[in-house]
Amino acid sequence: MELDPTEMTPVINRVKRAQGQLAGVLRLLEEGRDCEDVVTQLAAVSKALDKAGFAIVASGLQQCLSTGDGIDSVDVKKMEKLFLSLA
């Protein structure tokens, strides 16, 4: 299943934001900043990437349902594996 780039704009923006946050985490580490600040920012990056992943999987599932033969055309095991890979 290929993703529609026009539908991925919000996901792309989220990943770009996470990329900026990750750069901030690196900067905090290089500056020897407080552990709590670093972990808080790292958690924010992780959460942003998780949300992007879930949005991609949800979009793929929606695409399968709308362009296929309904629920029977969805590879349930494959979709389950994608969701679980984000857990």
PDB file of N, CA and C in Angstrom:
ATOM      1  N   MET A   1       0.848  -1.168   0.000  1.00  0.00           N
ATOM      2  CA  MET A   1       0.000   0.000   0.000  1.00  0.00           C
ATOM      3  C   MET A   1       0.895   1.233   0.000  1.00  0.00           C
ATOM      4  N   GLU A   2       0.693   2.091  -0.951  1.00  0.00           N
ATOM      5  CA  GLU A   2       1.457   3.328  -1.050  1.00  0.00           C
ATOM      6  C   GLU A   2       0.649   4.459  -0.435  1.00  0.00           C
ATOM      7  N   LEU A   3       1.370   5.380   0.186  1.00  0.00           N
ATOM      8  CA  LEU A   3       0.722   6.505   0.851  1.00  0.00           C
ATOM      9  C   LEU A   3       0.536   7.658  -0.127  1.00  0.00           C
ATOM     10  N   ASP A   4      -0.588   8.352   0.013  1.00  0.00           N
ATOM     11  CA  ASP A   4      -0.864   9.532  -0.794  1.00  0.00           C
ATOM     12  C   ASP A   4      -0.125  10.723  -0.173  1.00  0.00           C
ATOM     13  N   PRO A   5       0.863  11.290  -0.885  1.00  0.00           N
ATOM     14  CA  PRO A   5       1.650  12.389  -0.307  1.00  0.00           C
ATOM     15  C   PRO A   5       0.807  13.586   0.130  1.00  0.00           C
ATOM     16  N   THR A   6      -0.308  13.843  -0.559  1.00  0.00           N
ATOM     17  CA  THR A   6      -1.139  14.988  -0.180  1.00  0.00           C
ATOM     18  C   THR A   6      -1.816  14.764   1.174  1.00  0.00           C
ATOM     19  N   GLU A   7      -2.116  13.503   1.481  1.00  0.00           N
ATOM     20  CA  GLU A   7      -2.723  13.190   2.776  1.00  0.00           C
ATOM     21  C   GLU A   7      -1.685  13.142   3.894  1.00  0.00           C
ATOM     22  N   MET A   8      -0.422  13.064   3.532  1.00  0.00           N
ATOM     23  CA  MET A   8       0.645  12.929   4.514  1.00  0.00           C
ATOM     24  C   MET A   8       1.200  14.276   4.982  1.00  0.00           C
ATOM     25  N   THR A   9       0.677  15.390   4.468  1.00  0.00           N
ATOM     26  CA  THR A   9       1.191  16.712   4.841  1.00  0.00           C
ATOM     27  C   THR A   9       1.203  16.933   6.351  1.00  0.00           C
ATOM     28  N   PRO A  10       0.119  16.626   7.075  1.00  0.00           N
ATOM     29  CA  PRO A  10       0.174  16.815   8.534  1.00  0.00           C
ATOM     30  C   PRO A  10       1.210  15.905   9.205  1.00  0.00           C
ATOM     31  N   VAL A  11       1.367  14.707   8.691  1.00  0.00           N
ATOM     32  CA  VAL A  11       2.347  13.770   9.256  1.00  0.00           C
ATOM     33  C   VAL A  11       3.758  14.278   8.980  1.00  0.00           C
ATOM     34  N   ILE A  12       3.987  14.759   7.775  1.00  0.00           N
ATOM     35  CA  ILE A  12       5.291  15.315   7.425  1.00  0.00           C
ATOM     36  C   ILE A  12       5.623  16.486   8.339  1.00  0.00           C
ATOM     37  N   ASN A  13       4.649  17.356   8.574  1.00  0.00           N
ATOM     38  CA  ASN A  13       4.869  18.496   9.472  1.00  0.00           C
ATOM     39  C   ASN A  13       5.184  18.035  10.886  1.00  0.00           C
ATOM     40  N   ARG A  14       4.503  17.005  11.351  1.00  0.00           N
ATOM     41  CA  ARG A  14       4.741  16.478  12.698  1.00  0.00           C
ATOM     42  C   ARG A  14       6.161  15.913  12.811  1.00  0.00           C
ATOM     43  N   VAL A  15       6.593  15.187  11.793  1.00  0.00           N
ATOM     44  CA  VAL A  15       7.935  14.601  11.807  1.00  0.00           C
ATOM     45  C   VAL A  15       8.999  15.705  11.745  1.00  0.00           C
ATOM     46  N   LYS A  16       8.746  16.740  10.972  1.00  0.00           N
ATOM     47  CA  LYS A  16       9.688  17.869  10.921  1.00  0.00           C
ATOM     48  C   LYS A  16       9.795  18.556  12.280  1.00  0.00           C
ATOM     49  N   ARG A  17       8.649  18.696  12.967  1.00  0.00           N
ATOM     50  CA  ARG A  17       8.672  19.272  14.320  1.00  0.00           C
ATOM     51  C   ARG A  17       9.470  18.385  15.258  1.00  0.00           C
ATOM     52  N   ALA A  18       9.268  17.077  15.146  1.00  0.00           N
ATOM     53  CA  ALA A  18      10.011  16.129  15.983  1.00  0.00           C
ATOM     54  C   ALA A  18      11.502  16.211  15.680  1.00  0.00           C
ATOM     55  N   GLN A  19      11.840  16.413  14.425  1.00  0.00           N
ATOM     56  CA  GLN A  19      13.240  16.558  14.037  1.00  0.00           C
ATOM     57  C   GLN A  19      13.856  17.782  14.728  1.00  0.00           C
ATOM     58  N   GLY A  20      13.111  18.867  14.773  1.00  0.00           N
ATOM     59  CA  GLY A  20      13.575  20.067  15.471  1.00  0.00           C
ATOM     60  C   GLY A  20      13.711  19.829  16.971  1.00  0.00           C
ATOM     61  N   GLN A  21      12.742  19.106  17.536  1.00  0.00           N
ATOM     62  CA  GLN A  21      12.812  18.785  18.961  1.00  0.00           C
ATOM     63  C   GLN A  21      14.020  17.909  19.262  1.00  0.00           C
ATOM     64  N   LEU A  22      14.306  16.960  18.377  1.00  0.00           N
ATOM     65  CA  LEU A  22      15.451  16.082  18.582  1.00  0.00           C
ATOM     66  C   LEU A  22      16.757  16.868  18.523  1.00  0.00           C
ATOM     67  N   ALA A  23      16.819  17.830  17.626  1.00  0.00           N
ATOM     68  CA  ALA A  23      17.995  18.706  17.574  1.00  0.00           C
ATOM     69  C   ALA A  23      18.140  19.464  18.899  1.00  0.00           C
ATOM     70  N   GLY A  24      17.006  19.847  19.465  1.00  0.00           N
ATOM     71  CA  GLY A  24      17.025  20.520  20.767  1.00  0.00           C
ATOM     72  C   GLY A  24      17.535  19.604  21.869  1.00  0.00           C
ATOM     73  N   VAL A  25      17.159  18.337  21.819  1.00  0.00           N
ATOM     74  CA  VAL A  25      17.638  17.361  22.807  1.00  0.00           C
ATOM     75  C   VAL A  25      19.154  17.223  22.705  1.00  0.00           C
ATOM     76  N   LEU A  26      19.648  17.122  21.485  1.00  0.00           N
ATOM     77  CA  LEU A  26      21.102  17.034  21.298  1.00  0.00           C
ATOM     78  C   LEU A  26      21.799  18.260  21.871  1.00  0.00           C
ATOM     79  N   ARG A  27      21.242  19.427  21.624  1.00  0.00           N
ATOM     80  CA  ARG A  27      21.811  20.669  22.142  1.00  0.00           C
ATOM     81  C   ARG A  27      21.830  20.670  23.670  1.00  0.00           C
ATOM     82  N   LEU A  28      20.731  20.221  24.272  1.00  0.00           N
ATOM     83  CA  LEU A  28      20.672  20.140  25.734  1.00  0.00           C
ATOM     84  C   LEU A  28      21.747  19.210  26.282  1.00  0.00           C
ATOM     85  N   LEU A  29      21.924  18.079  25.620  1.00  0.00           N
ATOM     86  CA  LEU A  29      22.951  17.126  26.061  1.00  0.00           C
ATOM     87  C   LEU A  29      24.351  17.718  25.927  1.00  0.00           C
ATOM     88  N   GLU A  30      24.594  18.379  24.800  1.00  0.00           N
ATOM     89  CA  GLU A  30      25.909  18.975  24.567  1.00  0.00           C
ATOM     90  C   GLU A  30      26.212  20.097  25.555  1.00  0.00           C
ATOM     91  N   GLU A  31      25.170  20.771  26.024  1.00  0.00           N
ATOM     92  CA  GLU A  31      25.334  21.862  26.981  1.00  0.00           C
ATOM     93  C   GLU A  31      25.378  21.358  28.420  1.00  0.00           C
ATOM     94  N   GLY A  32      25.154  20.055  28.603  1.00  0.00           N
ATOM     95  CA  GLY A  32      25.169  19.499  29.954  1.00  0.00           C
ATOM     96  C   GLY A  32      23.998  19.968  30.800  1.00  0.00           C
ATOM     97  N   ARG A  33      22.853  20.120  30.187  1.00  0.00           N
ATOM     98  CA  ARG A  33      21.662  20.625  30.878  1.00  0.00           C
ATOM     99  C   ARG A  33      21.102  19.587  31.843  1.00  0.00           C
ATOM    100  N   ASP A  34      20.146  20.035  32.603  1.00  0.00           N
ATOM    101  CA  ASP A  34      19.507  19.219  33.636  1.00  0.00           C
ATOM    102  C   ASP A  34      18.857  17.973  33.032  1.00  0.00           C
ATOM    103  N   CYS A  35      19.018  16.855  33.713  1.00  0.00           N
ATOM    104  CA  CYS A  35      18.485  15.558  33.273  1.00  0.00           C
ATOM    105  C   CYS A  35      16.981  15.643  33.017  1.00  0.00           C
ATOM    106  N   GLU A  36      16.262  16.295  33.902  1.00  0.00           N
ATOM    107  CA  GLU A  36      14.804  16.381  33.762  1.00  0.00           C
ATOM    108  C   GLU A  36      14.414  17.093  32.471  1.00  0.00           C
ATOM    109  N   ASP A  37      15.130  18.167  32.129  1.00  0.00           N
ATOM    110  CA  ASP A  37      14.845  18.898  30.890  1.00  0.00           C
ATOM    111  C   ASP A  37      15.075  18.015  29.671  1.00  0.00           C
ATOM    112  N   VAL A  38      16.176  17.271  29.681  1.00  0.00           N
ATOM    113  CA  VAL A  38      16.522  16.408  28.559  1.00  0.00           C
ATOM    114  C   VAL A  38      15.475  15.310  28.392  1.00  0.00           C
ATOM    115  N   VAL A  39      15.125  14.653  29.483  1.00  0.00           N
ATOM    116  CA  VAL A  39      14.163  13.549  29.417  1.00  0.00           C
ATOM    117  C   VAL A  39      12.783  14.058  28.994  1.00  0.00           C
ATOM    118  N   THR A  40      12.398  15.224  29.478  1.00  0.00           N
ATOM    119  CA  THR A  40      11.108  15.798  29.095  1.00  0.00           C
ATOM    120  C   THR A  40      11.050  16.045  27.593  1.00  0.00           C
ATOM    121  N   GLN A  41      12.101  16.622  27.040  1.00  0.00           N
ATOM    122  CA  GLN A  41      12.141  16.887  25.602  1.00  0.00           C
ATOM    123  C   GLN A  41      12.222  15.596  24.793  1.00  0.00           C
ATOM    124  N   LEU A  42      12.963  14.637  25.302  1.00  0.00           N
ATOM    125  CA  LEU A  42      13.071  13.347  24.622  1.00  0.00           C
ATOM    126  C   LEU A  42      11.713  12.639  24.588  1.00  0.00           C
ATOM    127  N   ALA A  43      10.968  12.737  25.669  1.00  0.00           N
ATOM    128  CA  ALA A  43       9.627  12.150  25.712  1.00  0.00           C
ATOM    129  C   ALA A  43       8.703  12.828  24.707  1.00  0.00           C
ATOM    130  N   ALA A  44       8.855  14.140  24.544  1.00  0.00           N
ATOM    131  CA  ALA A  44       8.034  14.865  23.573  1.00  0.00           C
ATOM    132  C   ALA A  44       8.340  14.408  22.151  1.00  0.00           C
ATOM    133  N   VAL A  45       9.619  14.194  21.858  1.00  0.00           N
ATOM    134  CA  VAL A  45      10.013  13.700  20.532  1.00  0.00           C
ATOM    135  C   VAL A  45       9.415  12.320  20.295  1.00  0.00           C
ATOM    136  N   SER A  46       9.538  11.466  21.279  1.00  0.00           N
ATOM    137  CA  SER A  46       9.031  10.103  21.167  1.00  0.00           C
ATOM    138  C   SER A  46       7.525  10.102  20.922  1.00  0.00           C
ATOM    139  N   LYS A  47       6.804  10.928  21.661  1.00  0.00           N
ATOM    140  CA  LYS A  47       5.340  11.002  21.522  1.00  0.00           C
ATOM    141  C   LYS A  47       4.955  11.523  20.139  1.00  0.00           C
ATOM    142  N   ALA A  48       5.684  12.521  19.653  1.00  0.00           N
ATOM    143  CA  ALA A  48       5.395  13.076  18.329  1.00  0.00           C
ATOM    144  C   ALA A  48       5.605  12.027  17.243  1.00  0.00           C
ATOM    145  N   LEU A  49       6.668  11.254  17.361  1.00  0.00           N
ATOM    146  CA  LEU A  49       6.938  10.212  16.368  1.00  0.00           C
ATOM    147  C   LEU A  49       5.909   9.090  16.443  1.00  0.00           C
ATOM    148  N   ASP A  50       5.489   8.743  17.664  1.00  0.00           N
ATOM    149  CA  ASP A  50       4.443   7.725  17.813  1.00  0.00           C
ATOM    150  C   ASP A  50       3.149   8.176  17.138  1.00  0.00           C
ATOM    151  N   LYS A  51       2.770   9.434  17.367  1.00  0.00           N
ATOM    152  CA  LYS A  51       1.547   9.957  16.756  1.00  0.00           C
ATOM    153  C   LYS A  51       1.651   9.954  15.234  1.00  0.00           C
ATOM    154  N   ALA A  52       2.819  10.280  14.721  1.00  0.00           N
ATOM    155  CA  ALA A  52       3.015  10.255  13.273  1.00  0.00           C
ATOM    156  C   ALA A  52       2.857   8.831  12.751  1.00  0.00           C
ATOM    157  N   GLY A  53       3.432   7.881  13.452  1.00  0.00           N
ATOM    158  CA  GLY A  53       3.318   6.482  13.042  1.00  0.00           C
ATOM    159  C   GLY A  53       1.883   6.001  13.043  1.00  0.00           C
ATOM    160  N   PHE A  54       1.137   6.339  14.094  1.00  0.00           N
ATOM    161  CA  PHE A  54      -0.267   5.933  14.167  1.00  0.00           C
ATOM    162  C   PHE A  54      -1.084   6.594  13.052  1.00  0.00           C
ATOM    163  N   ALA A  55      -0.776   7.846  12.750  1.00  0.00           N
ATOM    164  CA  ALA A  55      -1.491   8.539  11.674  1.00  0.00           C
ATOM    165  C   ALA A  55      -1.224   7.867  10.328  1.00  0.00           C
ATOM    166  N   ILE A  56       0.007   7.420  10.116  1.00  0.00           N
ATOM    167  CA  ILE A  56       0.352   6.737   8.867  1.00  0.00           C
ATOM    168  C   ILE A  56      -0.401   5.410   8.759  1.00  0.00           C
ATOM    169  N   VAL A  57      -0.410   4.638   9.828  1.00  0.00           N
ATOM    170  CA  VAL A  57      -1.107   3.351   9.817  1.00  0.00           C
ATOM    171  C   VAL A  57      -2.608   3.565   9.633  1.00  0.00           C
ATOM    172  N   ALA A  58      -3.168   4.541  10.327  1.00  0.00           N
ATOM    173  CA  ALA A  58      -4.610   4.812  10.208  1.00  0.00           C
ATOM    174  C   ALA A  58      -4.961   5.246   8.792  1.00  0.00           C
ATOM    175  N   SER A  59      -4.114   6.059   8.186  1.00  0.00           N
ATOM    176  CA  SER A  59      -4.346   6.494   6.815  1.00  0.00           C
ATOM    177  C   SER A  59      -4.285   5.306   5.859  1.00  0.00           C
ATOM    178  N   GLY A  60      -3.330   4.427   6.078  1.00  0.00           N
ATOM    179  CA  GLY A  60      -3.219   3.236   5.248  1.00  0.00           C
ATOM    180  C   GLY A  60      -4.429   2.342   5.374  1.00  0.00           C
ATOM    181  N   LEU A  61      -4.919   2.189   6.592  1.00  0.00           N
ATOM    182  CA  LEU A  61      -6.112   1.365   6.820  1.00  0.00           C
ATOM    183  C   LEU A  61      -7.326   1.984   6.139  1.00  0.00           C
ATOM    184  N   GLN A  62      -7.471   3.286   6.287  1.00  0.00           N
ATOM    185  CA  GLN A  62      -8.593   3.973   5.652  1.00  0.00           C
ATOM    186  C   GLN A  62      -8.514   3.822   4.127  1.00  0.00           C
ATOM    187  N   GLN A  63      -7.304   3.947   3.598  1.00  0.00           N
ATOM    188  CA  GLN A  63      -7.106   3.801   2.158  1.00  0.00           C
ATOM    189  C   GLN A  63      -7.485   2.395   1.696  1.00  0.00           C
ATOM    190  N   CYS A  64      -7.084   1.398   2.468  1.00  0.00           N
ATOM    191  CA  CYS A  64      -7.428   0.011   2.123  1.00  0.00           C
ATOM    192  C   CYS A  64      -8.939  -0.189   2.102  1.00  0.00           C
ATOM    193  N   LEU A  65      -9.612   0.377   3.088  1.00  0.00           N
ATOM    194  CA  LEU A  65     -11.058   0.199   3.175  1.00  0.00           C
ATOM    195  C   LEU A  65     -11.805   0.945   2.077  1.00  0.00           C
ATOM    196  N   SER A  66     -11.286   2.112   1.695  1.00  0.00           N
ATOM    197  CA  SER A  66     -12.010   2.907   0.707  1.00  0.00           C
ATOM    198  C   SER A  66     -11.725   2.488  -0.731  1.00  0.00           C
ATOM    199  N   THR A  67     -10.540   1.917  -0.998  1.00  0.00           N
ATOM    200  CA  THR A  67     -10.213   1.561  -2.375  1.00  0.00           C
ATOM    201  C   THR A  67     -10.315   0.069  -2.650  1.00  0.00           C
ATOM    202  N   GLY A  68     -10.410  -0.720  -1.591  1.00  0.00           N
ATOM    203  CA  GLY A  68     -10.461  -2.173  -1.777  1.00  0.00           C
ATOM    204  C   GLY A  68     -11.879  -2.690  -1.804  1.00  0.00           C
ATOM    205  N   ASP A  69     -12.001  -3.935  -1.446  1.00  0.00           N
ATOM    206  CA  ASP A  69     -13.307  -4.584  -1.413  1.00  0.00           C
ATOM    207  C   ASP A  69     -13.872  -4.596   0.003  1.00  0.00           C
ATOM    208  N   GLY A  70     -13.620  -3.525   0.742  1.00  0.00           N
ATOM    209  CA  GLY A  70     -14.103  -3.453   2.107  1.00  0.00           C
ATOM    210  C   GLY A  70     -13.159  -4.148   3.070  1.00  0.00           C
ATOM    211  N   ILE A  71     -13.683  -4.531   4.205  1.00  0.00           N
ATOM    212  CA  ILE A  71     -12.877  -5.113   5.280  1.00  0.00           C
ATOM    213  C   ILE A  71     -12.198  -6.409   4.853  1.00  0.00           C
ATOM    214  N   ASP A  72     -12.799  -7.137   3.920  1.00  0.00           N
ATOM    215  CA  ASP A  72     -12.211  -8.402   3.474  1.00  0.00           C
ATOM    216  C   ASP A  72     -10.894  -8.206   2.723  1.00  0.00           C
ATOM    217  N   SER A  73     -10.684  -7.001   2.172  1.00  0.00           N
ATOM    218  CA  SER A  73      -9.457  -6.755   1.415  1.00  0.00           C
ATOM    219  C   SER A  73      -8.298  -6.331   2.307  1.00  0.00           C
ATOM    220  N   VAL A  74      -8.556  -6.060   3.573  1.00  0.00           N
ATOM    221  CA  VAL A  74      -7.523  -5.598   4.494  1.00  0.00           C
ATOM    222  C   VAL A  74      -6.755  -6.799   5.027  1.00  0.00           C
ATOM    223  N   ASP A  75      -5.444  -6.723   4.942  1.00  0.00           N
ATOM    224  CA  ASP A  75      -4.587  -7.748   5.518  1.00  0.00           C
ATOM    225  C   ASP A  75      -4.503  -7.448   7.028  1.00  0.00           C
ATOM    226  N   VAL A  76      -5.390  -8.048   7.784  1.00  0.00           N
ATOM    227  CA  VAL A  76      -5.538  -7.746   9.211  1.00  0.00           C
ATOM    228  C   VAL A  76      -4.242  -8.017   9.964  1.00  0.00           C
ATOM    229  N   LYS A  77      -3.582  -9.114   9.670  1.00  0.00           N
ATOM    230  CA  LYS A  77      -2.330  -9.449  10.359  1.00  0.00           C
ATOM    231  C   LYS A  77      -1.264  -8.386  10.090  1.00  0.00           C
ATOM    232  N   LYS A  78      -1.206  -7.929   8.852  1.00  0.00           N
ATOM    233  CA  LYS A  78      -0.216  -6.908   8.495  1.00  0.00           C
ATOM    234  C   LYS A  78      -0.507  -5.594   9.224  1.00  0.00           C
ATOM    235  N   MET A  79      -1.779  -5.186   9.260  1.00  0.00           N
ATOM    236  CA  MET A  79      -2.156  -3.951   9.949  1.00  0.00           C
ATOM    237  C   MET A  79      -1.892  -4.077  11.445  1.00  0.00           C
ATOM    238  N   GLU A  80      -2.208  -5.233  12.006  1.00  0.00           N
ATOM    239  CA  GLU A  80      -1.950  -5.471  13.424  1.00  0.00           C
ATOM    240  C   GLU A  80      -0.450  -5.364  13.723  1.00  0.00           C
ATOM    241  N   LYS A  81       0.349  -5.942  12.851  1.00  0.00           N
ATOM    242  CA  LYS A  81       1.799  -5.886  13.041  1.00  0.00           C
ATOM    243  C   LYS A  81       2.304  -4.448  12.993  1.00  0.00           C
ATOM    244  N   LEU A  82       1.757  -3.640  12.075  1.00  0.00           N
ATOM    245  CA  LEU A  82       2.151  -2.236  11.990  1.00  0.00           C
ATOM    246  C   LEU A  82       1.793  -1.482  13.271  1.00  0.00           C
ATOM    247  N   PHE A  83       0.563  -1.693  13.765  1.00  0.00           N
ATOM    248  CA  PHE A  83       0.155  -1.029  14.999  1.00  0.00           C
ATOM    249  C   PHE A  83       1.049  -1.466  16.166  1.00  0.00           C
ATOM    250  N   LEU A  84       1.301  -2.753  16.276  1.00  0.00           N
ATOM    251  CA  LEU A  84       2.106  -3.264  17.387  1.00  0.00           C
ATOM    252  C   LEU A  84       3.560  -2.821  17.311  1.00  0.00           C
ATOM    253  N   SER A  85       4.053  -2.559  16.111  1.00  0.00           N
ATOM    254  CA  SER A  85       5.433  -2.089  15.990  1.00  0.00           C
ATOM    255  C   SER A  85       5.609  -0.722  16.611  1.00  0.00           C
ATOM    256  N   LEU A  86       4.504   0.009  16.803  1.00  0.00           N
ATOM    257  CA  LEU A  86       4.560   1.324  17.431  1.00  0.00           C
ATOM    258  C   LEU A  86       4.361   1.262  18.934  1.00  0.00           C
ATOM    259  N   ALA A  87       3.961   0.105  19.434  1.00  0.00           N
ATOM    260  CA  ALA A  87       3.673  -0.025  20.869  1.00  0.00           C
ATOM    261  C   ALA A  87       4.953  -0.098  21.693  1.00  0.00           C
TER     262      ALA A  87
END
